[in-house]
Amino acid sequence: MTALLTPPTPAAPVDTSAWAIGAPRLLAGLDTAERLDLDAHLRTHGALPGSDLELLLTLLDGSPVAGRGGAGFPLATKLRALADGHRRVVVNGTESEPASRKDRVLLLRTPHLVIDGAVAVAAALGTREVTVAVHDDATASSVRAALAERRDAGRAKVRVVPGGFVSGEARAVVRALRGGPALPTGRRTPPSAAGVLVANVETFAQLAVLLRLGAHRFAATGTAEEPGTTLLTVVGAVGRPGVVEIPLGTPLGIVLAAAQAHRPQAVVVGGYHGSWLAPIPQIRLSRAGVAAAGGTLGAGVVAVVGEDSCALGELGRVTDWLAAQSARQCGPCAFGLPALAADVRALAAGSAAAVSDALGHARAVDGRGACAHPDGAARFVVSAVHLLHEETDRHREHGGCGRPVLGQLPLAAAR
C-alpha cells in the first residue's frame, strides 16, 4: 500500500513533501496535518512511556536501532561507550548532504517525535542537557516552537551552526557547539569519549517509536536483522520526489515504481559518500541489502539518474562539488580530491588514461584523510567508474554521449 501524505506548507524553506510505502510510523499523522503541534502529536502517537537506561538498552538490544545519519552506528553501542561524568545529548539535525531532506522533514513537520527520543535518552543518562544542532533558521524556529510547548524539555536548546558538507560530521558539530570551527578534528576520536552522545534526527525519532511500540511490535516490520522502517529521500529523474518511509528491506524496484522513476540508468544510493548502483529491482533497501549489492545505505538517499542525462556529466558535477567541500586540513582533501575531480572531467572528455588515473587517485586518498570525506568521495567515484564502463567507452570513442547534463543530482540544499 502507498499512502500519500500532504504537501508542505508554502513557507517551508525546502520541499517537505512526504509519503509512505506501508503504514507510516515516523510520518504518521501527516496525511491530515502539515505539521504536528504537541496536541496533534499526542493524539497521533500517545504519551511517551517512562524509561531508564537499563530498559532503554534492553529495548535496543531486542530491536537494534542503527544510526540513520550515514555511518549506521548502533545507538546501544554509543550509549555504552559514553564516558562517565558530565554527559550531554546532541541531536544532529545539520543534514549537510545536499540530496537529503529527511531530517528537516521530521524537524519541520513532526518535531515532537524527535524531541521525545532525545528527552528519553537524556533522562536515562541523568542529564537535562539536550542541544539540537541545525544549519538553517526555519528548522531552528520549528524546533524552538516545539520546545516551548513542552514541560519536559528541561534545558534543551537549539543552536544554528555553520553549514557545509563536512560540517555535519559529528565531531564537527560538537566542535562548532564549543565555539570552534565547524570542521572535523584531525583525530578520529568519537564524541562519546568526552561524554557527548551525538545521534541523527531520525535515530531519536525511531527511538521514540520503539519506546511506544516495544521491541516485539517494533520488529513487526522490516527484516529480522534490521527491524522497523527507515526514511529515504528520493530525488532525480522521478515524477514523485520526496521523503518516503519504507519497511527496511523493501525492494528498490517498489520504491522506483512508487516514485515514478523515468527510465533510470543508475541510482546513487546513500548520498554523495554513497555508491552508484545499477537500478536492479531486487536490491533490498536495508544496510545489509545494499551492502550485498556493493553499496551503502548511508544517509538514506536514492537519487535516480535517467537515461536522458549524461551520467559522466552528473558524476563530474558532484565530484567538483565534493572537491570544493574540502576542509583543507590534510593532503588527501586539499590535493587528492581536486585531482580526482580533474580525472572525472577528463573521463567525460574521452581521455583514455582517465579511468586508471581516477582509480589511482581514489586509492591514494582512501583512508588517509583527517576525516572520512576523502574516503566517501573516493567510494562515490570508484563505484561510478565501475558501473559506467559502457558510458565511458562511448565518451572515449566519440568524445561524448550526445546527451545533456540535466543536473538530476542536486547540489545545493535549500536552507
Protein backbone atom coordinates (compact mmCIF):
# COMPACT_ATOMS: atom_id res chain seq x y z
CA MET A 1 0.00 0.00 0.00
CA THR A 2 1.21 3.50 -0.81
CA ALA A 3 -0.08 6.31 1.41
CA LEU A 4 0.22 9.86 0.04
CA LEU A 5 0.92 12.45 2.68
CA THR A 6 0.04 16.12 2.36
CA PRO A 7 2.32 18.61 0.60
CA PRO A 8 4.43 21.05 2.62
CA THR A 9 3.41 24.47 3.76
CA PRO A 10 4.32 27.24 1.26
CA ALA A 11 6.60 28.88 3.82
CA ALA A 12 8.82 25.83 4.19
CA PRO A 13 12.41 26.51 3.05
CA VAL A 14 12.68 23.10 1.42
CA ASP A 15 10.29 20.72 -0.28
CA THR A 16 8.95 18.78 2.68
CA SER A 17 6.56 16.56 0.76
CA ALA A 18 6.42 13.07 2.22
CA TRP A 19 4.74 9.75 1.56
CA ALA A 20 4.91 6.18 2.73
CA ILE A 21 5.00 2.63 1.46
CA GLY A 22 3.02 0.66 4.01
CA ALA A 23 1.75 2.11 7.28
CA PRO A 24 3.78 5.16 8.32
CA ARG A 25 5.30 5.35 11.77
CA LEU A 26 7.60 8.35 11.75
CA LEU A 27 5.34 10.16 9.28
CA ALA A 28 2.10 9.17 10.99
CA GLY A 29 -0.42 11.98 11.14
CA LEU A 30 0.98 13.92 8.22
CA ASP A 31 -1.83 12.73 5.99
CA THR A 32 -4.17 15.12 7.81
CA ALA A 33 -1.82 17.84 9.06
CA GLU A 34 1.02 19.83 7.60
CA ARG A 35 2.73 19.99 11.00
CA LEU A 36 2.01 18.23 14.28
CA ASP A 37 1.92 20.52 17.30
CA LEU A 38 2.07 18.90 20.72
CA ASP A 39 -1.65 18.16 20.94
CA ALA A 40 -1.73 16.61 17.46
CA HIS A 41 1.45 14.69 18.23
CA LEU A 42 -0.05 13.17 21.38
CA ARG A 43 -3.29 12.30 19.58
CA THR A 44 -1.27 10.54 16.88
CA HIS A 45 1.42 8.79 18.91
CA GLY A 46 0.19 8.80 22.51
CA ALA A 47 2.17 9.72 25.59
CA LEU A 48 5.82 8.72 25.81
CA PRO A 49 6.35 5.87 28.32
CA GLY A 50 8.87 6.36 31.09
CA SER A 51 12.25 4.69 30.75
CA ASP A 52 15.63 4.30 32.38
CA LEU A 53 19.00 3.35 30.94
CA GLU A 54 18.61 -0.37 31.66
CA LEU A 55 15.22 -0.52 29.93
CA LEU A 56 16.47 1.57 27.06
CA LEU A 57 19.40 -0.77 26.44
CA THR A 58 17.17 -3.81 26.78
CA LEU A 59 14.83 -2.43 24.10
CA LEU A 60 17.72 -1.54 21.82
CA ASP A 61 19.26 -4.98 22.26
CA GLY A 62 15.92 -6.58 21.37
CA SER A 63 15.26 -4.33 18.35
CA PRO A 64 18.54 -2.74 17.30
CA VAL A 65 18.33 0.84 16.05
CA ALA A 66 21.26 1.73 13.82
CA GLY A 67 22.15 5.39 13.39
CA ARG A 68 20.36 6.94 10.45
CA GLY A 69 22.92 9.67 9.74
CA GLY A 70 25.22 7.75 7.41
CA ALA A 71 27.62 5.57 9.38
CA GLY A 72 24.88 3.33 10.79
CA PHE A 73 26.49 3.03 14.22
CA PRO A 74 24.16 1.21 16.66
CA LEU A 75 22.63 3.54 19.25
CA ALA A 76 23.10 0.98 22.03
CA THR A 77 26.83 0.86 21.31
CA LYS A 78 27.05 4.64 21.51
CA LEU A 79 25.24 4.65 24.84
CA ARG A 80 27.52 2.00 26.30
CA ALA A 81 30.63 3.83 25.05
CA LEU A 82 29.80 7.11 26.81
CA ALA A 83 32.46 8.23 29.22
CA ASP A 84 31.49 8.65 32.87
CA GLY A 85 30.96 12.08 34.36
CA HIS A 86 29.15 15.03 32.84
CA ARG A 87 27.07 13.88 29.88
CA ARG A 88 25.24 15.74 27.12
CA VAL A 89 22.90 14.79 24.29
CA VAL A 90 23.26 16.36 20.85
CA VAL A 91 20.64 15.92 18.14
CA ASN A 92 22.48 16.28 14.85
CA GLY A 93 19.97 17.98 12.57
CA THR A 94 22.50 19.66 10.31
CA GLU A 95 21.78 17.38 7.33
CA SER A 96 24.69 18.61 5.23
CA GLU A 97 24.08 16.04 2.48
CA PRO A 98 22.55 18.14 -0.35
CA ALA A 99 20.45 15.28 -1.74
CA SER A 100 18.82 14.56 1.63
CA ARG A 101 15.97 16.32 3.39
CA LYS A 102 14.51 13.61 5.63
CA ASP A 103 15.80 15.15 8.86
CA ARG A 104 14.37 18.56 8.05
CA VAL A 105 11.04 16.94 7.21
CA LEU A 106 10.98 15.49 10.72
CA LEU A 107 12.06 18.71 12.43
CA LEU A 108 9.76 20.92 10.37
CA ARG A 109 6.66 18.73 10.34
CA THR A 110 6.81 16.35 13.32
CA PRO A 111 9.46 17.77 15.68
CA HIS A 112 7.99 16.33 18.89
CA LEU A 113 8.82 12.78 17.86
CA VAL A 114 12.49 13.74 17.65
CA ILE A 115 12.38 15.65 20.93
CA ASP A 116 10.71 12.63 22.59
CA GLY A 117 13.66 10.44 21.72
CA ALA A 118 16.24 13.00 22.82
CA VAL A 119 14.49 13.72 26.13
CA ALA A 120 14.18 9.99 26.84
CA VAL A 121 17.90 9.43 26.27
CA ALA A 122 18.83 12.44 28.38
CA ALA A 123 16.64 11.26 31.26
CA ALA A 124 18.14 7.77 31.08
CA LEU A 125 21.63 9.29 31.23
CA GLY A 126 20.75 11.54 34.15
CA THR A 127 21.20 14.80 32.28
CA ARG A 128 18.90 17.60 31.16
CA GLU A 129 21.35 18.99 28.62
CA VAL A 130 19.95 18.48 25.13
CA THR A 131 21.10 20.51 22.14
CA VAL A 132 19.51 20.34 18.70
CA ALA A 133 22.06 21.49 16.10
CA VAL A 134 20.74 22.70 12.74
CA HIS A 135 22.03 24.70 9.78
CA ASP A 136 19.04 26.90 8.98
CA ASP A 137 16.77 29.36 10.77
CA ALA A 138 13.47 27.86 9.59
CA THR A 139 14.27 24.49 11.13
CA ALA A 140 15.53 26.17 14.29
CA SER A 141 12.26 28.12 14.59
CA SER A 142 10.20 24.94 14.26
CA VAL A 143 12.17 23.18 17.00
CA ARG A 144 12.06 26.21 19.31
CA ALA A 145 8.28 26.40 18.89
CA ALA A 146 8.00 22.71 19.77
CA LEU A 147 10.22 23.07 22.84
CA ALA A 148 8.09 25.98 24.06
CA GLU A 149 5.04 23.68 24.11
CA ARG A 150 6.64 21.10 26.40
CA ARG A 151 7.23 20.86 30.14
CA ASP A 152 9.76 18.05 29.93
CA ALA A 153 12.31 19.77 27.68
CA GLY A 154 14.39 20.95 30.65
CA ARG A 155 17.45 22.78 29.45
CA ALA A 156 17.00 21.73 25.82
CA LYS A 157 18.06 24.35 23.32
CA VAL A 158 18.57 24.89 19.62
CA ARG A 159 21.79 26.06 18.03
CA VAL A 160 22.30 27.14 14.43
CA VAL A 161 25.80 26.11 13.38
CA PRO A 162 27.67 26.92 10.14
CA GLY A 163 26.80 24.91 7.05
CA GLY A 164 28.99 22.89 4.71
CA PHE A 165 29.24 19.24 3.75
CA VAL A 166 31.87 18.24 6.31
CA SER A 167 30.24 20.45 8.96
CA GLY A 168 27.56 17.83 9.54
CA GLU A 169 30.06 15.23 10.78
CA ALA A 170 29.55 14.53 14.48
CA ARG A 171 32.94 15.83 15.61
CA ALA A 172 32.50 18.97 13.51
CA VAL A 173 29.10 19.62 15.11
CA VAL A 174 30.47 19.23 18.64
CA ARG A 175 33.43 21.46 17.77
CA ALA A 176 31.11 24.16 16.45
CA LEU A 177 28.90 23.95 19.55
CA ARG A 178 32.01 24.60 21.65
CA GLY A 179 32.76 27.75 19.68
CA GLY A 180 35.33 26.33 17.29
CA PRO A 181 35.25 25.96 13.51
CA ALA A 182 32.59 23.62 12.11
CA LEU A 183 35.22 21.19 10.85
CA PRO A 184 36.13 17.66 11.94
CA THR A 185 39.07 17.44 14.30
CA GLY A 186 42.24 15.85 13.00
CA ARG A 187 41.93 12.94 15.43
CA ARG A 188 39.15 10.40 14.84
CA THR A 189 38.13 10.34 18.50
CA PRO A 190 34.36 9.91 18.90
CA PRO A 191 32.43 12.48 20.94
CA SER A 192 31.32 9.67 23.27
CA ALA A 193 34.84 9.66 24.71
CA ALA A 194 34.03 13.09 26.15
CA GLY A 195 30.60 12.07 27.39
CA VAL A 196 28.69 13.55 24.45
CA LEU A 197 26.08 11.39 22.74
CA VAL A 198 25.58 12.62 19.16
CA ALA A 199 22.93 10.96 17.04
CA ASN A 200 20.97 11.78 13.93
CA VAL A 201 17.47 13.28 13.97
CA GLU A 202 15.84 10.15 12.59
CA THR A 203 17.65 7.98 15.13
CA PHE A 204 15.96 9.81 18.01
CA ALA A 205 12.58 9.63 16.24
CA GLN A 206 12.99 5.88 15.75
CA LEU A 207 13.79 5.50 19.44
CA ALA A 208 10.57 7.34 20.33
CA VAL A 209 8.63 4.87 18.18
CA LEU A 210 10.44 1.92 19.78
CA LEU A 211 9.62 3.15 23.29
CA ARG A 212 5.94 3.33 22.43
CA LEU A 213 5.66 0.07 20.50
CA GLY A 214 8.05 -2.12 22.44
CA ALA A 215 10.60 -4.42 20.83
CA HIS A 216 8.10 -7.03 19.57
CA ARG A 217 5.73 -4.64 17.79
CA PHE A 218 8.62 -2.52 16.51
CA ALA A 219 10.05 -5.62 14.83
CA ALA A 220 6.75 -6.50 13.14
CA THR A 221 8.02 -4.80 10.01
CA GLY A 222 11.46 -4.64 8.42
CA THR A 223 13.87 -7.58 8.45
CA ALA A 224 14.94 -9.86 11.27
CA GLU A 225 18.37 -8.25 11.39
CA GLU A 226 17.15 -4.70 10.75
CA PRO A 227 13.68 -4.25 12.21
CA GLY A 228 11.46 -1.25 11.69
CA THR A 229 11.16 1.37 8.99
CA THR A 230 13.53 3.95 7.58
CA LEU A 231 13.24 7.25 5.75
CA LEU A 232 14.60 7.76 2.26
CA THR A 233 14.93 10.95 0.25
CA VAL A 234 14.04 10.12 -3.35
CA VAL A 235 15.26 12.68 -5.90
CA GLY A 236 16.44 12.96 -9.50
CA ALA A 237 14.62 11.56 -12.52
CA VAL A 238 11.38 10.77 -10.72
CA GLY A 239 7.87 12.10 -11.06
CA ARG A 240 7.19 11.91 -7.34
CA PRO A 241 10.18 13.16 -5.37
CA GLY A 242 10.10 13.50 -1.63
CA VAL A 243 10.79 11.78 1.66
CA VAL A 244 9.37 8.26 1.82
CA GLU A 245 9.06 5.94 4.81
CA ILE A 246 9.56 2.28 3.95
CA PRO A 247 9.92 -1.00 5.85
CA LEU A 248 13.60 -1.89 5.93
CA GLY A 249 14.27 -4.50 3.26
CA THR A 250 11.78 -3.07 0.73
CA PRO A 251 12.97 -3.88 -2.83
CA LEU A 252 14.40 -0.96 -4.79
CA GLY A 253 12.00 -1.71 -7.66
CA ILE A 254 8.98 -0.98 -5.46
CA VAL A 255 10.40 2.40 -4.43
CA LEU A 256 11.31 3.33 -8.01
CA ALA A 257 7.85 2.39 -9.25
CA ALA A 258 6.11 4.32 -6.47
CA ALA A 259 8.35 7.34 -7.12
CA GLN A 260 7.56 7.15 -10.87
CA ALA A 261 11.21 6.85 -11.91
CA HIS A 262 11.85 7.90 -15.52
CA ARG A 263 13.90 5.28 -17.41
CA PRO A 264 16.66 5.01 -14.80
CA GLN A 265 20.16 4.15 -15.98
CA ALA A 266 21.69 4.33 -12.48
CA VAL A 267 20.81 5.10 -8.88
CA VAL A 268 23.03 6.82 -6.37
CA VAL A 269 22.23 5.20 -3.03
CA GLY A 270 23.41 6.68 0.26
CA GLY A 271 24.16 10.20 -0.91
CA TYR A 272 27.43 11.63 -2.18
CA HIS A 273 29.50 9.46 0.12
CA GLY A 274 27.47 6.53 -1.15
CA SER A 275 27.64 4.43 -4.30
CA TRP A 276 26.40 4.28 -7.87
CA LEU A 277 24.37 1.12 -8.46
CA ALA A 278 22.51 -0.39 -11.38
CA PRO A 279 18.73 0.03 -10.90
CA ILE A 280 18.21 -3.65 -10.12
CA PRO A 281 14.67 -4.04 -8.76
CA GLN A 282 15.60 -6.86 -6.39
CA ILE A 283 18.10 -4.83 -4.33
CA ARG A 284 16.82 -4.76 -0.76
CA LEU A 285 16.88 -1.32 0.82
CA SER A 286 18.47 -2.15 4.14
CA ARG A 287 22.06 -1.75 5.22
CA ALA A 288 22.76 -5.43 4.63
CA GLY A 289 20.80 -5.49 1.36
CA VAL A 290 22.56 -2.50 -0.16
CA ALA A 291 25.92 -3.79 1.07
CA ALA A 292 25.26 -7.09 -0.70
CA ALA A 293 24.76 -5.10 -3.91
CA GLY A 294 28.11 -3.38 -3.43
CA GLY A 295 26.91 -0.12 -1.90
CA THR A 296 25.98 1.57 1.35
CA LEU A 297 22.60 2.85 2.52
CA GLY A 298 24.41 5.81 4.07
CA ALA A 299 22.25 8.88 4.54
CA GLY A 300 19.18 7.22 3.05
CA VAL A 301 19.29 8.90 -0.35
CA VAL A 302 18.01 7.28 -3.54
CA ALA A 303 18.94 9.62 -6.40
CA VAL A 304 17.85 8.44 -9.85
CA VAL A 305 19.91 9.29 -12.93
CA GLY A 306 17.74 8.90 -16.01
CA GLU A 307 18.76 7.75 -19.46
CA ASP A 308 18.15 11.28 -20.78
CA SER A 309 21.08 12.77 -18.86
CA CYS A 310 24.83 12.27 -19.31
CA ALA A 311 25.84 10.15 -16.34
CA LEU A 312 29.51 11.14 -16.54
CA GLY A 313 28.47 14.77 -16.58
CA GLU A 314 26.33 14.18 -13.49
CA LEU A 315 29.28 12.45 -11.84
CA GLY A 316 31.57 15.34 -12.74
CA ARG A 317 29.28 17.99 -11.26
CA VAL A 318 29.12 16.20 -7.92
CA THR A 319 32.82 15.35 -7.83
CA ASP A 320 33.72 19.00 -8.47
CA TRP A 321 31.39 19.95 -5.63
CA LEU A 322 32.90 17.35 -3.29
CA ALA A 323 36.38 18.70 -4.01
CA ALA A 324 35.18 22.22 -3.22
CA GLN A 325 33.77 21.00 0.12
CA SER A 326 37.24 20.01 1.33
CA ALA A 327 38.15 21.07 4.85
CA ARG A 328 41.69 21.79 3.59
CA GLN A 329 43.09 20.15 6.70
CA CYS A 330 45.08 17.36 5.07
CA GLY A 331 46.72 16.42 1.80
CA PRO A 332 44.06 13.95 0.63
CA CYS A 333 41.41 16.67 0.89
CA ALA A 334 43.45 19.66 -0.27
CA PHE A 335 45.20 17.98 -3.21
CA GLY A 336 43.76 14.50 -3.74
CA LEU A 337 40.12 15.46 -4.24
CA PRO A 338 40.82 18.21 -6.80
CA ALA A 339 42.98 15.71 -8.71
CA LEU A 340 40.16 13.18 -8.58
CA ALA A 341 37.71 15.78 -9.87
CA ALA A 342 40.07 16.59 -12.74
CA ASP A 343 40.22 12.89 -13.61
CA VAL A 344 36.42 12.72 -13.81
CA ARG A 345 36.33 15.77 -16.09
CA ALA A 346 38.92 14.09 -18.31
CA LEU A 347 36.80 10.93 -18.28
CA ALA A 348 33.82 12.88 -19.61
CA ALA A 349 36.04 14.45 -22.25
CA GLY A 350 37.03 11.00 -23.54
CA SER A 351 40.54 10.65 -22.14
CA ALA A 352 41.86 7.10 -22.47
CA ALA A 353 44.01 7.41 -19.34
CA ALA A 354 41.32 8.92 -17.12
CA VAL A 355 39.98 5.63 -15.74
CA SER A 356 43.32 4.45 -14.39
CA ASP A 357 44.14 7.97 -13.16
CA ALA A 358 40.85 8.22 -11.27
CA LEU A 359 41.22 4.79 -9.67
CA GLY A 360 44.81 5.62 -8.71
CA HIS A 361 43.91 8.92 -7.08
CA ALA A 362 40.99 7.27 -5.28
CA ARG A 363 43.34 4.65 -3.80
CA ALA A 364 45.74 7.41 -2.78
CA VAL A 365 43.19 9.30 -0.68
CA ASP A 366 41.17 6.43 0.76
CA GLY A 367 41.74 6.00 4.49
CA ARG A 368 44.38 8.71 4.70
CA GLY A 369 42.38 11.82 5.47
CA ALA A 370 41.86 13.63 8.76
CA CYS A 371 38.17 12.83 8.39
CA ALA A 372 36.05 10.47 6.28
CA HIS A 373 35.40 12.95 3.46
CA PRO A 374 38.16 11.66 1.14
CA ASP A 375 37.02 8.06 1.78
CA GLY A 376 33.42 8.85 0.87
CA ALA A 377 34.36 10.83 -2.23
CA ALA A 378 36.63 8.02 -3.39
CA ARG A 379 33.86 5.45 -2.91
CA PHE A 380 31.44 7.64 -4.86
CA VAL A 381 33.80 7.99 -7.84
CA VAL A 382 35.10 4.41 -7.89
CA SER A 383 31.59 2.94 -7.85
CA ALA A 384 30.61 5.19 -10.76
CA VAL A 385 33.70 4.30 -12.79
CA HIS A 386 32.97 0.59 -12.40
CA LEU A 387 29.27 0.95 -13.19
CA LEU A 388 29.53 3.37 -16.11
CA HIS A 389 32.09 1.50 -18.21
CA GLU A 390 29.86 1.44 -21.30
CA GLU A 391 29.24 5.16 -20.95
CA THR A 392 32.98 5.69 -20.57
CA ASP A 393 33.60 3.75 -23.78
CA ARG A 394 31.15 5.96 -25.68
CA HIS A 395 32.85 9.09 -24.45
CA ARG A 396 36.26 7.73 -25.34
CA GLU A 397 35.17 6.69 -28.83
CA HIS A 398 33.04 9.73 -29.69
CA GLY A 399 34.18 12.47 -27.32
CA GLY A 400 30.81 12.35 -25.55
CA CYS A 401 27.45 10.61 -25.46
CA GLY A 402 25.34 13.30 -27.13
CA ARG A 403 23.14 13.78 -24.07
CA PRO A 404 22.89 16.96 -21.99
CA VAL A 405 23.77 17.15 -18.33
CA LEU A 406 20.38 17.80 -16.76
CA GLY A 407 21.55 18.25 -13.18
CA GLN A 408 19.45 15.41 -11.83
CA LEU A 409 21.77 15.05 -8.84
CA PRO A 410 21.05 18.09 -6.61
CA LEU A 411 23.99 20.05 -5.31
CA ALA A 412 22.72 22.98 -3.30
CA ALA A 413 20.36 22.11 -0.48
CA ALA A 414 17.79 24.78 0.16
CA ARG A 415 18.43 26.41 3.53
